[in-house]
Amino acid sequence: PRSENPPQVFNDMVADARHLCQELNGTLVDHNLRGMTQKALKRISGQIRQIVHEMEQEGVTPGGDKSLRLF
C-alpha cells in the first residue's frame, strides 16, 4: 500500500528473485519451501490487484498521503 504501483513492484520483485535464483543456481520457493509456480505467482498478483482496487474504492490511493498515514 505504500508503493504507488504495487503490481509493478511485485513483478519487479519476482524478476529480481528469478535472477538471483539463476545466478545462484537456486529455486524460488514459497513459505512452505515448495517451488513457486507461474500459477501461484499469478494468483498472488491477482490478490495484489484486488487489494489495490478495494483501496481505491475506499478513496485510498496506493502510495498516496492517506495510504502513507494508514500503513
Protein backbone atom coordinates (compact mmCIF):
# COMPACT_ATOMS: atom_id res chain seq x y z
CA PRO A 1 0.00 0.00 0.00
CA ARG A 2 2.95 2.37 0.46
CA SER A 3 4.05 1.96 -3.16
CA GLU A 4 2.46 3.94 -5.98
CA ASN A 5 2.25 0.84 -8.19
CA PRO A 6 2.03 -2.37 -6.09
CA PRO A 7 1.54 -4.74 -9.07
CA GLN A 8 4.69 -3.40 -10.75
CA VAL A 9 6.66 -3.63 -7.51
CA PHE A 10 5.60 -7.27 -7.19
CA ASN A 11 6.58 -8.01 -10.79
CA ASP A 12 9.96 -6.36 -10.25
CA MET A 13 10.48 -8.35 -7.05
CA VAL A 14 9.68 -11.63 -8.84
CA ALA A 15 12.06 -10.72 -11.68
CA ASP A 16 14.82 -9.94 -9.18
CA ALA A 17 14.17 -13.18 -7.30
CA ARG A 18 14.30 -15.20 -10.52
CA HIS A 19 17.55 -13.51 -11.50
CA LEU A 20 19.08 -14.36 -8.11
CA CYS A 21 17.89 -17.95 -8.43
CA GLN A 22 19.51 -18.20 -11.84
CA GLU A 23 22.78 -16.65 -10.69
CA LEU A 24 22.97 -18.75 -7.54
CA ASN A 25 21.58 -21.94 -9.09
CA GLY A 26 18.70 -21.78 -6.62
CA THR A 27 14.96 -22.31 -6.63
CA LEU A 28 12.19 -19.82 -5.98
CA VAL A 29 10.04 -21.24 -3.18
CA ASP A 30 7.02 -20.23 -1.13
CA HIS A 31 6.78 -20.00 2.67
CA ASN A 32 6.39 -23.82 2.81
CA LEU A 33 9.56 -24.30 0.76
CA ARG A 34 7.56 -25.53 -2.24
CA GLY A 35 8.62 -24.37 -5.67
CA MET A 36 6.72 -21.29 -6.85
CA THR A 37 4.73 -21.98 -9.99
CA GLN A 38 3.61 -19.44 -12.56
CA LYS A 39 0.05 -20.18 -11.44
CA ALA A 40 0.90 -19.29 -7.83
CA LEU A 41 2.62 -16.07 -8.89
CA LYS A 42 -0.42 -15.10 -11.00
CA ARG A 43 -2.69 -15.78 -8.02
CA ILE A 44 -0.61 -13.50 -5.79
CA SER A 45 -0.54 -10.84 -8.49
CA GLY A 46 -4.32 -11.06 -8.75
CA GLN A 47 -4.65 -10.67 -4.98
CA ILE A 48 -2.47 -7.55 -5.10
CA ARG A 49 -4.60 -6.08 -7.89
CA GLN A 50 -7.75 -6.83 -5.92
CA ILE A 51 -6.36 -5.09 -2.83
CA VAL A 52 -5.41 -2.05 -4.93
CA HIS A 53 -8.93 -1.97 -6.37
CA GLU A 54 -10.50 -2.18 -2.91
CA MET A 55 -8.23 0.54 -1.59
CA GLU A 56 -9.15 2.82 -4.48
CA GLN A 57 -12.85 2.13 -3.92
CA GLU A 58 -12.35 3.46 -0.39
CA GLY A 59 -10.55 6.55 -1.66
CA VAL A 60 -7.10 5.36 -0.62
CA THR A 61 -4.57 5.58 -3.44
CA PRO A 62 -1.55 3.28 -3.06
CA GLY A 63 1.48 5.43 -2.29
CA GLY A 64 -0.74 8.44 -1.64
CA ASP A 65 -0.91 10.58 1.50
CA LYS A 66 -3.78 8.59 3.06
CA SER A 67 -2.06 5.32 2.36
CA LEU A 68 1.21 6.51 3.86
CA ARG A 69 -0.61 7.62 7.02
CA LEU A 70 -2.55 4.35 7.31
CA PHE A 71 0.28 1.99 6.53
